[in-house]
Amino acid sequence: DMDRLFLEQATAQPVSFWEVLWSEA
């Protein structure tokens, strides 16, 4: 059950790539 839960959670996590446009401390 733990294996299945891990597979489910790993699949639900999006893989994203982001560009930082600006930042102010």
mmCIF file of all heavy atoms, coordinates in Angstrom:
data_MODEL
# 
_entry.id   MODEL 
# 
loop_
_atom_site.group_PDB 
_atom_site.id 
_atom_site.type_symbol 
_atom_site.label_atom_id 
_atom_site.label_alt_id 
_atom_site.label_comp_id 
_atom_site.label_asym_id 
_atom_site.label_entity_id 
_atom_site.label_seq_id 
_atom_site.pdbx_PDB_ins_code 
_atom_site.Cartn_x 
_atom_site.Cartn_y 
_atom_site.Cartn_z 
_atom_site.occupancy 
_atom_site.B_iso_or_equiv 
_atom_site.pdbx_formal_charge 
_atom_site.auth_seq_id 
_atom_site.auth_comp_id 
_atom_site.auth_asym_id 
_atom_site.auth_atom_id 
_atom_site.pdbx_PDB_model_num 
ATOM 1   N N   . ASP A 1 1  ? 0.837  -1.205 0.000   1.00 0.00 ? 1  ASP A N   1 
ATOM 2   C CA  . ASP A 1 1  ? 0.000  0.000  0.000   1.00 0.00 ? 1  ASP A CA  1 
ATOM 3   C C   . ASP A 1 1  ? 0.869  1.250  0.000   1.00 0.00 ? 1  ASP A C   1 
ATOM 4   O O   . ASP A 1 1  ? 0.554  2.226  -0.664  1.00 0.00 ? 1  ASP A O   1 
ATOM 5   C CB  . ASP A 1 1  ? -0.926 0.016  1.219   1.00 0.00 ? 1  ASP A CB  1 
ATOM 6   C CG  . ASP A 1 1  ? -2.028 -1.030 1.119   1.00 0.00 ? 1  ASP A CG  1 
ATOM 7   O OD1 . ASP A 1 1  ? -2.310 -1.503 -0.002  1.00 0.00 ? 1  ASP A OD1 1 
ATOM 8   O OD2 . ASP A 1 1  ? -2.612 -1.361 2.170   1.00 0.00 ? 1  ASP A OD2 1 
ATOM 9   N N   . MET A 1 2  ? 1.982  1.204  0.747   1.00 0.00 ? 2  MET A N   1 
ATOM 10  C CA  . MET A 1 2  ? 2.885  2.355  0.790   1.00 0.00 ? 2  MET A CA  1 
ATOM 11  C C   . MET A 1 2  ? 3.529  2.579  -0.581  1.00 0.00 ? 2  MET A C   1 
ATOM 12  O O   . MET A 1 2  ? 3.689  3.717  -1.006  1.00 0.00 ? 2  MET A O   1 
ATOM 13  C CB  . MET A 1 2  ? 3.953  2.172  1.860   1.00 0.00 ? 2  MET A CB  1 
ATOM 14  C CG  . MET A 1 2  ? 4.890  3.340  1.922   1.00 0.00 ? 2  MET A CG  1 
ATOM 15  S SD  . MET A 1 2  ? 5.069  4.286  3.421   1.00 0.00 ? 2  MET A SD  1 
ATOM 16  C CE  . MET A 1 2  ? 4.564  3.361  4.762   1.00 0.00 ? 2  MET A CE  1 
ATOM 17  N N   . ASP A 1 3  ? 3.892  1.499  -1.280  1.00 0.00 ? 3  ASP A N   1 
ATOM 18  C CA  . ASP A 1 3  ? 4.456  1.623  -2.631  1.00 0.00 ? 3  ASP A CA  1 
ATOM 19  C C   . ASP A 1 3  ? 3.451  2.311  -3.557  1.00 0.00 ? 3  ASP A C   1 
ATOM 20  O O   . ASP A 1 3  ? 3.804  3.236  -4.293  1.00 0.00 ? 3  ASP A O   1 
ATOM 21  C CB  . ASP A 1 3  ? 4.795  0.252  -3.220  1.00 0.00 ? 3  ASP A CB  1 
ATOM 22  C CG  . ASP A 1 3  ? 5.946  -0.447 -2.526  1.00 0.00 ? 3  ASP A CG  1 
ATOM 23  O OD1 . ASP A 1 3  ? 6.772  0.237  -1.888  1.00 0.00 ? 3  ASP A OD1 1 
ATOM 24  O OD2 . ASP A 1 3  ? 6.016  -1.690 -2.637  1.00 0.00 ? 3  ASP A OD2 1 
ATOM 25  N N   . ARG A 1 4  ? 2.215  1.865  -3.521  1.00 0.00 ? 4  ARG A N   1 
ATOM 26  C CA  . ARG A 1 4  ? 1.178  2.447  -4.381  1.00 0.00 ? 4  ARG A CA  1 
ATOM 27  C C   . ARG A 1 4  ? 0.951  3.922  -4.045  1.00 0.00 ? 4  ARG A C   1 
ATOM 28  O O   . ARG A 1 4  ? 0.789  4.747  -4.937  1.00 0.00 ? 4  ARG A O   1 
ATOM 29  C CB  . ARG A 1 4  ? -0.127 1.668  -4.247  1.00 0.00 ? 4  ARG A CB  1 
ATOM 30  C CG  . ARG A 1 4  ? -0.111 0.372  -5.023  1.00 0.00 ? 4  ARG A CG  1 
ATOM 31  C CD  . ARG A 1 4  ? -1.511 -0.261 -5.074  1.00 0.00 ? 4  ARG A CD  1 
ATOM 32  N NE  . ARG A 1 4  ? -1.375 -1.689 -5.180  1.00 0.00 ? 4  ARG A NE  1 
ATOM 33  C CZ  . ARG A 1 4  ? -1.174 -2.522 -4.152  1.00 0.00 ? 4  ARG A CZ  1 
ATOM 34  N NH1 . ARG A 1 4  ? -1.126 -2.066 -2.934  1.00 0.00 ? 4  ARG A NH1 1 
ATOM 35  N NH2 . ARG A 1 4  ? -1.033 -3.810 -4.347  1.00 0.00 ? 4  ARG A NH2 1 
ATOM 36  N N   . LEU A 1 5  ? 0.957  4.236  -2.758  1.00 0.00 ? 5  LEU A N   1 
ATOM 37  C CA  . LEU A 1 5  ? 0.785  5.630  -2.342  1.00 0.00 ? 5  LEU A CA  1 
ATOM 38  C C   . LEU A 1 5  ? 1.937  6.487  -2.856  1.00 0.00 ? 5  LEU A C   1 
ATOM 39  O O   . LEU A 1 5  ? 1.728  7.588  -3.366  1.00 0.00 ? 5  LEU A O   1 
ATOM 40  C CB  . LEU A 1 5  ? 0.701  5.723  -0.819  1.00 0.00 ? 5  LEU A CB  1 
ATOM 41  C CG  . LEU A 1 5  ? 0.553  7.137  -0.236  1.00 0.00 ? 5  LEU A CG  1 
ATOM 42  C CD1 . LEU A 1 5  ? -0.743 7.780  -0.712  1.00 0.00 ? 5  LEU A CD1 1 
ATOM 43  C CD2 . LEU A 1 5  ? 0.601  7.080  1.279   1.00 0.00 ? 5  LEU A CD2 1 
ATOM 44  N N   . PHE A 1 6  ? 3.156  5.977  -2.748  1.00 0.00 ? 6  PHE A N   1 
ATOM 45  C CA  . PHE A 1 6  ? 4.312  6.713  -3.247  1.00 0.00 ? 6  PHE A CA  1 
ATOM 46  C C   . PHE A 1 6  ? 4.184  6.957  -4.753  1.00 0.00 ? 6  PHE A C   1 
ATOM 47  O O   . PHE A 1 6  ? 4.413  8.073  -5.223  1.00 0.00 ? 6  PHE A O   1 
ATOM 48  C CB  . PHE A 1 6  ? 5.606  5.952  -2.948  1.00 0.00 ? 6  PHE A CB  1 
ATOM 49  C CG  . PHE A 1 6  ? 6.804  6.567  -3.605  1.00 0.00 ? 6  PHE A CG  1 
ATOM 50  C CD1 . PHE A 1 6  ? 7.370  7.719  -3.102  1.00 0.00 ? 6  PHE A CD1 1 
ATOM 51  C CD2 . PHE A 1 6  ? 7.344  6.006  -4.749  1.00 0.00 ? 6  PHE A CD2 1 
ATOM 52  C CE1 . PHE A 1 6  ? 8.462  8.306  -3.719  1.00 0.00 ? 6  PHE A CE1 1 
ATOM 53  C CE2 . PHE A 1 6  ? 8.436  6.577  -5.375  1.00 0.00 ? 6  PHE A CE2 1 
ATOM 54  C CZ  . PHE A 1 6  ? 8.996  7.733  -4.853  1.00 0.00 ? 6  PHE A CZ  1 
ATOM 55  N N   . LEU A 1 7  ? 3.820  5.937  -5.521  1.00 0.00 ? 7  LEU A N   1 
ATOM 56  C CA  . LEU A 1 7  ? 3.668  6.083  -6.973  1.00 0.00 ? 7  LEU A CA  1 
ATOM 57  C C   . LEU A 1 7  ? 2.586  7.114  -7.305  1.00 0.00 ? 7  LEU A C   1 
ATOM 58  O O   . LEU A 1 7  ? 2.764  7.936  -8.207  1.00 0.00 ? 7  LEU A O   1 
ATOM 59  C CB  . LEU A 1 7  ? 3.337  4.744  -7.620  1.00 0.00 ? 7  LEU A CB  1 
ATOM 60  C CG  . LEU A 1 7  ? 4.463  3.729  -7.635  1.00 0.00 ? 7  LEU A CG  1 
ATOM 61  C CD1 . LEU A 1 7  ? 3.957  2.365  -8.084  1.00 0.00 ? 7  LEU A CD1 1 
ATOM 62  C CD2 . LEU A 1 7  ? 5.598  4.197  -8.536  1.00 0.00 ? 7  LEU A CD2 1 
ATOM 63  N N   . GLU A 1 8  ? 1.495  7.068  -6.574  1.00 0.00 ? 8  GLU A N   1 
ATOM 64  C CA  . GLU A 1 8  ? 0.413  8.020  -6.785  1.00 0.00 ? 8  GLU A CA  1 
ATOM 65  C C   . GLU A 1 8  ? 0.872  9.447  -6.497  1.00 0.00 ? 8  GLU A C   1 
ATOM 66  O O   . GLU A 1 8  ? 0.619  10.368 -7.274  1.00 0.00 ? 8  GLU A O   1 
ATOM 67  C CB  . GLU A 1 8  ? -0.736 7.644  -5.846  1.00 0.00 ? 8  GLU A CB  1 
ATOM 68  C CG  . GLU A 1 8  ? -2.076 8.185  -6.231  1.00 0.00 ? 8  GLU A CG  1 
ATOM 69  C CD  . GLU A 1 8  ? -3.147 7.616  -5.312  1.00 0.00 ? 8  GLU A CD  1 
ATOM 70  O OE1 . GLU A 1 8  ? -3.412 6.406  -5.367  1.00 0.00 ? 8  GLU A OE1 1 
ATOM 71  O OE2 . GLU A 1 8  ? -3.684 8.419  -4.528  1.00 0.00 ? 8  GLU A OE2 1 
ATOM 72  N N   . GLN A 1 9  ? 1.563  9.638  -5.378  1.00 0.00 ? 9  GLN A N   1 
ATOM 73  C CA  . GLN A 1 9  ? 2.022  10.975 -5.015  1.00 0.00 ? 9  GLN A CA  1 
ATOM 74  C C   . GLN A 1 9  ? 3.089  11.489 -5.976  1.00 0.00 ? 9  GLN A C   1 
ATOM 75  O O   . GLN A 1 9  ? 3.088  12.661 -6.332  1.00 0.00 ? 9  GLN A O   1 
ATOM 76  C CB  . GLN A 1 9  ? 2.553  10.974 -3.586  1.00 0.00 ? 9  GLN A CB  1 
ATOM 77  C CG  . GLN A 1 9  ? 1.475  10.823 -2.550  1.00 0.00 ? 9  GLN A CG  1 
ATOM 78  C CD  . GLN A 1 9  ? 2.017  10.689 -1.140  1.00 0.00 ? 9  GLN A CD  1 
ATOM 79  O OE1 . GLN A 1 9  ? 3.178  10.366 -0.932  1.00 0.00 ? 9  GLN A OE1 1 
ATOM 80  N NE2 . GLN A 1 9  ? 1.163  10.923 -0.166  1.00 0.00 ? 9  GLN A NE2 1 
ATOM 81  N N   . ALA A 1 10 ? 4.006  10.614 -6.384  1.00 0.00 ? 10 ALA A N   1 
ATOM 82  C CA  . ALA A 1 10 ? 5.063  11.035 -7.308  1.00 0.00 ? 10 ALA A CA  1 
ATOM 83  C C   . ALA A 1 10 ? 4.484  11.460 -8.652  1.00 0.00 ? 10 ALA A C   1 
ATOM 84  O O   . ALA A 1 10 ? 4.972  12.399 -9.279  1.00 0.00 ? 10 ALA A O   1 
ATOM 85  C CB  . ALA A 1 10 ? 6.076  9.903  -7.503  1.00 0.00 ? 10 ALA A CB  1 
ATOM 86  N N   . THR A 1 11 ? 3.432  10.800 -9.082  1.00 0.00 ? 11 THR A N   1 
ATOM 87  C CA  . THR A 1 11 ? 2.795  11.133 -10.347 1.00 0.00 ? 11 THR A CA  1 
ATOM 88  C C   . THR A 1 11 ? 1.991  12.420 -10.239 1.00 0.00 ? 11 THR A C   1 
ATOM 89  O O   . THR A 1 11 ? 1.894  13.176 -11.191 1.00 0.00 ? 11 THR A O   1 
ATOM 90  C CB  . THR A 1 11 ? 1.884  9.980  -10.801 1.00 0.00 ? 11 THR A CB  1 
ATOM 91  O OG1 . THR A 1 11 ? 2.681  8.793  -10.891 1.00 0.00 ? 11 THR A OG1 1 
ATOM 92  C CG2 . THR A 1 11 ? 1.274  10.251 -12.153 1.00 0.00 ? 11 THR A CG2 1 
ATOM 93  N N   . ALA A 1 12 ? 1.427  12.685 -9.077  1.00 0.00 ? 12 ALA A N   1 
ATOM 94  C CA  . ALA A 1 12 ? 0.593  13.875 -8.894  1.00 0.00 ? 12 ALA A CA  1 
ATOM 95  C C   . ALA A 1 12 ? 1.422  15.155 -8.813  1.00 0.00 ? 12 ALA A C   1 
ATOM 96  O O   . ALA A 1 12 ? 0.902  16.242 -9.034  1.00 0.00 ? 12 ALA A O   1 
ATOM 97  C CB  . ALA A 1 12 ? -0.246 13.733 -7.624  1.00 0.00 ? 12 ALA A CB  1 
ATOM 98  N N   . GLN A 1 13 ? 2.711  15.042 -8.493  1.00 0.00 ? 13 GLN A N   1 
ATOM 99  C CA  . GLN A 1 13 ? 3.562  16.220 -8.376  1.00 0.00 ? 13 GLN A CA  1 
ATOM 100 C C   . GLN A 1 13 ? 3.909  16.738 -9.769  1.00 0.00 ? 13 GLN A C   1 
ATOM 101 O O   . GLN A 1 13 ? 4.460  16.005 -10.576 1.00 0.00 ? 13 GLN A O   1 
ATOM 102 C CB  . GLN A 1 13 ? 4.854  15.895 -7.624  1.00 0.00 ? 13 GLN A CB  1 
ATOM 103 C CG  . GLN A 1 13 ? 4.624  15.437 -6.208  1.00 0.00 ? 13 GLN A CG  1 
ATOM 104 C CD  . GLN A 1 13 ? 3.938  16.491 -5.377  1.00 0.00 ? 13 GLN A CD  1 
ATOM 105 O OE1 . GLN A 1 13 ? 4.285  17.659 -5.418  1.00 0.00 ? 13 GLN A OE1 1 
ATOM 106 N NE2 . GLN A 1 13 ? 2.945  16.078 -4.620  1.00 0.00 ? 13 GLN A NE2 1 
ATOM 107 N N   . PRO A 1 14 ? 3.599  17.991 -10.071 1.00 0.00 ? 14 PRO A N   1 
ATOM 108 C CA  . PRO A 1 14 ? 3.939  18.513 -11.401 1.00 0.00 ? 14 PRO A CA  1 
ATOM 109 C C   . PRO A 1 14 ? 5.442  18.734 -11.549 1.00 0.00 ? 14 PRO A C   1 
ATOM 110 O O   . PRO A 1 14 ? 6.133  18.986 -10.567 1.00 0.00 ? 14 PRO A O   1 
ATOM 111 C CB  . PRO A 1 14 ? 3.196  19.855 -11.459 1.00 0.00 ? 14 PRO A CB  1 
ATOM 112 C CG  . PRO A 1 14 ? 3.046  20.259 -10.031 1.00 0.00 ? 14 PRO A CG  1 
ATOM 113 C CD  . PRO A 1 14 ? 2.932  18.981 -9.243  1.00 0.00 ? 14 PRO A CD  1 
ATOM 114 N N   . VAL A 1 15 ? 5.906  18.587 -12.763 1.00 0.00 ? 15 VAL A N   1 
ATOM 115 C CA  . VAL A 1 15 ? 7.295  18.907 -13.089 1.00 0.00 ? 15 VAL A CA  1 
ATOM 116 C C   . VAL A 1 15 ? 7.238  20.252 -13.809 1.00 0.00 ? 15 VAL A C   1 
ATOM 117 O O   . VAL A 1 15 ? 6.634  20.362 -14.863 1.00 0.00 ? 15 VAL A O   1 
ATOM 118 C CB  . VAL A 1 15 ? 7.938  17.837 -13.994 1.00 0.00 ? 15 VAL A CB  1 
ATOM 119 C CG1 . VAL A 1 15 ? 9.333  18.234 -14.398 1.00 0.00 ? 15 VAL A CG1 1 
ATOM 120 C CG2 . VAL A 1 15 ? 7.928  16.489 -13.287 1.00 0.00 ? 15 VAL A CG2 1 
ATOM 121 N N   . SER A 1 16 ? 7.825  21.263 -13.218 1.00 0.00 ? 16 SER A N   1 
ATOM 122 C CA  . SER A 1 16 ? 7.705  22.619 -13.736 1.00 0.00 ? 16 SER A CA  1 
ATOM 123 C C   . SER A 1 16 ? 9.062  23.275 -13.900 1.00 0.00 ? 16 SER A C   1 
ATOM 124 O O   . SER A 1 16 ? 9.985  22.999 -13.144 1.00 0.00 ? 16 SER A O   1 
ATOM 125 C CB  . SER A 1 16 ? 6.877  23.487 -12.787 1.00 0.00 ? 16 SER A CB  1 
ATOM 126 O OG  . SER A 1 16 ? 5.631  22.923 -12.542 1.00 0.00 ? 16 SER A OG  1 
ATOM 127 N N   . PHE A 1 17 ? 9.132  24.169 -14.863 1.00 0.00 ? 17 PHE A N   1 
ATOM 128 C CA  . PHE A 1 17 ? 10.326 24.967 -15.093 1.00 0.00 ? 17 PHE A CA  1 
ATOM 129 C C   . PHE A 1 17 ? 9.884  26.416 -15.118 1.00 0.00 ? 17 PHE A C   1 
ATOM 130 O O   . PHE A 1 17 ? 8.976  26.777 -15.850 1.00 0.00 ? 17 PHE A O   1 
ATOM 131 C CB  . PHE A 1 17 ? 10.988 24.593 -16.418 1.00 0.00 ? 17 PHE A CB  1 
ATOM 132 C CG  . PHE A 1 17 ? 11.415 23.164 -16.464 1.00 0.00 ? 17 PHE A CG  1 
ATOM 133 C CD1 . PHE A 1 17 ? 10.560 22.192 -16.942 1.00 0.00 ? 17 PHE A CD1 1 
ATOM 134 C CD2 . PHE A 1 17 ? 12.660 22.788 -16.001 1.00 0.00 ? 17 PHE A CD2 1 
ATOM 135 C CE1 . PHE A 1 17 ? 10.945 20.866 -16.969 1.00 0.00 ? 17 PHE A CE1 1 
ATOM 136 C CE2 . PHE A 1 17 ? 13.054 21.463 -16.025 1.00 0.00 ? 17 PHE A CE2 1 
ATOM 137 C CZ  . PHE A 1 17 ? 12.194 20.501 -16.513 1.00 0.00 ? 17 PHE A CZ  1 
ATOM 138 N N   . TRP A 1 18 ? 10.532 27.230 -14.302 1.00 0.00 ? 18 TRP A N   1 
ATOM 139 C CA  . TRP A 1 18 ? 10.136 28.616 -14.164 1.00 0.00 ? 18 TRP A CA  1 
ATOM 140 C C   . TRP A 1 18 ? 11.318 29.541 -14.425 1.00 0.00 ? 18 TRP A C   1 
ATOM 141 O O   . TRP A 1 18 ? 12.442 29.215 -14.091 1.00 0.00 ? 18 TRP A O   1 
ATOM 142 C CB  . TRP A 1 18 ? 9.612  28.881 -12.748 1.00 0.00 ? 18 TRP A CB  1 
ATOM 143 C CG  . TRP A 1 18 ? 8.438  28.023 -12.396 1.00 0.00 ? 18 TRP A CG  1 
ATOM 144 C CD1 . TRP A 1 18 ? 8.474  26.772 -11.855 1.00 0.00 ? 18 TRP A CD1 1 
ATOM 145 C CD2 . TRP A 1 18 ? 7.070  28.337 -12.563 1.00 0.00 ? 18 TRP A CD2 1 
ATOM 146 N NE1 . TRP A 1 18 ? 7.211  26.294 -11.678 1.00 0.00 ? 18 TRP A NE1 1 
ATOM 147 C CE2 . TRP A 1 18 ? 6.320  27.247 -12.103 1.00 0.00 ? 18 TRP A CE2 1 
ATOM 148 C CE3 . TRP A 1 18 ? 6.387  29.444 -13.050 1.00 0.00 ? 18 TRP A CE3 1 
ATOM 149 C CZ2 . TRP A 1 18 ? 4.936  27.225 -12.122 1.00 0.00 ? 18 TRP A CZ2 1 
ATOM 150 C CZ3 . TRP A 1 18 ? 5.011  29.421 -13.063 1.00 0.00 ? 18 TRP A CZ3 1 
ATOM 151 C CH2 . TRP A 1 18 ? 4.290  28.324 -12.605 1.00 0.00 ? 18 TRP A CH2 1 
ATOM 152 N N   . GLU A 1 19 ? 11.024 30.689 -14.983 1.00 0.00 ? 19 GLU A N   1 
ATOM 153 C CA  . GLU A 1 19 ? 12.027 31.729 -15.171 1.00 0.00 ? 19 GLU A CA  1 
ATOM 154 C C   . GLU A 1 19 ? 11.750 32.827 -14.150 1.00 0.00 ? 19 GLU A C   1 
ATOM 155 O O   . GLU A 1 19 ? 10.613 33.293 -14.027 1.00 0.00 ? 19 GLU A O   1 
ATOM 156 C CB  . GLU A 1 19 ? 11.919 32.305 -16.586 1.00 0.00 ? 19 GLU A CB  1 
ATOM 157 C CG  . GLU A 1 19 ? 12.852 33.452 -16.844 1.00 0.00 ? 19 GLU A CG  1 
ATOM 158 C CD  . GLU A 1 19 ? 12.667 34.049 -18.230 1.00 0.00 ? 19 GLU A CD  1 
ATOM 159 O OE1 . GLU A 1 19 ? 11.646 33.778 -18.883 1.00 0.00 ? 19 GLU A OE1 1 
ATOM 160 O OE2 . GLU A 1 19 ? 13.561 34.788 -18.650 1.00 0.00 ? 19 GLU A OE2 1 
ATOM 161 N N   . VAL A 1 20 ? 12.773 33.229 -13.406 1.00 0.00 ? 20 VAL A N   1 
ATOM 162 C CA  . VAL A 1 20 ? 12.621 34.323 -12.452 1.00 0.00 ? 20 VAL A CA  1 
ATOM 163 C C   . VAL A 1 20 ? 12.739 35.626 -13.231 1.00 0.00 ? 20 VAL A C   1 
ATOM 164 O O   . VAL A 1 20 ? 13.755 35.899 -13.857 1.00 0.00 ? 20 VAL A O   1 
ATOM 165 C CB  . VAL A 1 20 ? 13.696 34.255 -11.336 1.00 0.00 ? 20 VAL A CB  1 
ATOM 166 C CG1 . VAL A 1 20 ? 13.567 35.445 -10.394 1.00 0.00 ? 20 VAL A CG1 1 
ATOM 167 C CG2 . VAL A 1 20 ? 13.608 32.938 -10.583 1.00 0.00 ? 20 VAL A CG2 1 
ATOM 168 N N   . LEU A 1 21 ? 11.686 36.421 -13.194 1.00 0.00 ? 21 LEU A N   1 
ATOM 169 C CA  . LEU A 1 21 ? 11.652 37.677 -13.936 1.00 0.00 ? 21 LEU A CA  1 
ATOM 170 C C   . LEU A 1 21 ? 12.197 38.835 -13.117 1.00 0.00 ? 21 LEU A C   1 
ATOM 171 O O   . LEU A 1 21 ? 12.863 39.714 -13.645 1.00 0.00 ? 21 LEU A O   1 
ATOM 172 C CB  . LEU A 1 21 ? 10.212 37.991 -14.373 1.00 0.00 ? 21 LEU A CB  1 
ATOM 173 C CG  . LEU A 1 21 ? 9.552  36.938 -15.262 1.00 0.00 ? 21 LEU A CG  1 
ATOM 174 C CD1 . LEU A 1 21 ? 8.087  37.301 -15.499 1.00 0.00 ? 21 LEU A CD1 1 
ATOM 175 C CD2 . LEU A 1 21 ? 10.294 36.827 -16.587 1.00 0.00 ? 21 LEU A CD2 1 
ATOM 176 N N   . TRP A 1 22 ? 11.870 38.865 -11.850 1.00 0.00 ? 22 TRP A N   1 
ATOM 177 C CA  . TRP A 1 22 ? 12.349 39.905 -10.959 1.00 0.00 ? 22 TRP A CA  1 
ATOM 178 C C   . TRP A 1 22 ? 12.237 39.427 -9.525  1.00 0.00 ? 22 TRP A C   1 
ATOM 179 O O   . TRP A 1 22 ? 11.492 38.501 -9.228  1.00 0.00 ? 22 TRP A O   1 
ATOM 180 C CB  . TRP A 1 22 ? 11.564 41.205 -11.141 1.00 0.00 ? 22 TRP A CB  1 
ATOM 181 C CG  . TRP A 1 22 ? 10.086 41.063 -10.878 1.00 0.00 ? 22 TRP A CG  1 
ATOM 182 C CD1 . TRP A 1 22 ? 9.117  40.742 -11.782 1.00 0.00 ? 22 TRP A CD1 1 
ATOM 183 C CD2 . TRP A 1 22 ? 9.418  41.215 -9.619  1.00 0.00 ? 22 TRP A CD2 1 
ATOM 184 N NE1 . TRP A 1 22 ? 7.885  40.670 -11.181 1.00 0.00 ? 22 TRP A NE1 1 
ATOM 185 C CE2 . TRP A 1 22 ? 8.038  40.965 -9.835  1.00 0.00 ? 22 TRP A CE2 1 
ATOM 186 C CE3 . TRP A 1 22 ? 9.833  41.534 -8.336  1.00 0.00 ? 22 TRP A CE3 1 
ATOM 187 C CZ2 . TRP A 1 22 ? 7.094  41.033 -8.825  1.00 0.00 ? 22 TRP A CZ2 1 
ATOM 188 C CZ3 . TRP A 1 22 ? 8.888  41.599 -7.323  1.00 0.00 ? 22 TRP A CZ3 1 
ATOM 189 C CH2 . TRP A 1 22 ? 7.536  41.354 -7.575  1.00 0.00 ? 22 TRP A CH2 1 
ATOM 190 N N   . SER A 1 23 ? 13.014 40.044 -8.653  1.00 0.00 ? 23 SER A N   1 
ATOM 191 C CA  . SER A 1 23 ? 12.878 39.769 -7.228  1.00 0.00 ? 23 SER A CA  1 
ATOM 192 C C   . SER A 1 23 ? 13.316 40.991 -6.442  1.00 0.00 ? 23 SER A C   1 
ATOM 193 O O   . SER A 1 23 ? 14.238 41.699 -6.839  1.00 0.00 ? 23 SER A O   1 
ATOM 194 C CB  . SER A 1 23 ? 13.696 38.546 -6.824  1.00 0.00 ? 23 SER A CB  1 
ATOM 195 O OG  . SER A 1 23 ? 15.039 38.857 -6.652  1.00 0.00 ? 23 SER A OG  1 
ATOM 196 N N   . GLU A 1 24 ? 12.606 41.232 -5.362  1.00 0.00 ? 24 GLU A N   1 
ATOM 197 C CA  . GLU A 1 24 ? 12.945 42.313 -4.446  1.00 0.00 ? 24 GLU A CA  1 
ATOM 198 C C   . GLU A 1 24 ? 12.992 41.712 -3.049  1.00 0.00 ? 24 GLU A C   1 
ATOM 199 O O   . GLU A 1 24 ? 11.986 41.161 -2.585  1.00 0.00 ? 24 GLU A O   1 
ATOM 200 C CB  . GLU A 1 24 ? 11.897 43.430 -4.502  1.00 0.00 ? 24 GLU A CB  1 
ATOM 201 C CG  . GLU A 1 24 ? 11.902 44.194 -5.813  1.00 0.00 ? 24 GLU A CG  1 
ATOM 202 C CD  . GLU A 1 24 ? 10.855 45.299 -5.838  1.00 0.00 ? 24 GLU A CD  1 
ATOM 203 O OE1 . GLU A 1 24 ? 10.613 45.913 -4.771  1.00 0.00 ? 24 GLU A OE1 1 
ATOM 204 O OE2 . GLU A 1 24 ? 10.285 45.523 -6.904  1.00 0.00 ? 24 GLU A OE2 1 
ATOM 205 N N   . ALA A 1 25 ? 14.142 41.818 -2.410  1.00 0.00 ? 25 ALA A N   1 
ATOM 206 C CA  . ALA A 1 25 ? 14.327 41.229 -1.088  1.00 0.00 ? 25 ALA A CA  1 
ATOM 207 C C   . ALA A 1 25 ? 13.238 41.694 -0.130  1.00 0.00 ? 25 ALA A C   1 
ATOM 208 O O   . ALA A 1 25 ? 12.991 42.885 0.015   1.00 0.00 ? 25 ALA A O   1 
ATOM 209 C CB  . ALA A 1 25 ? 15.702 41.589 -0.540  1.00 0.00 ? 25 ALA A CB  1 
# 
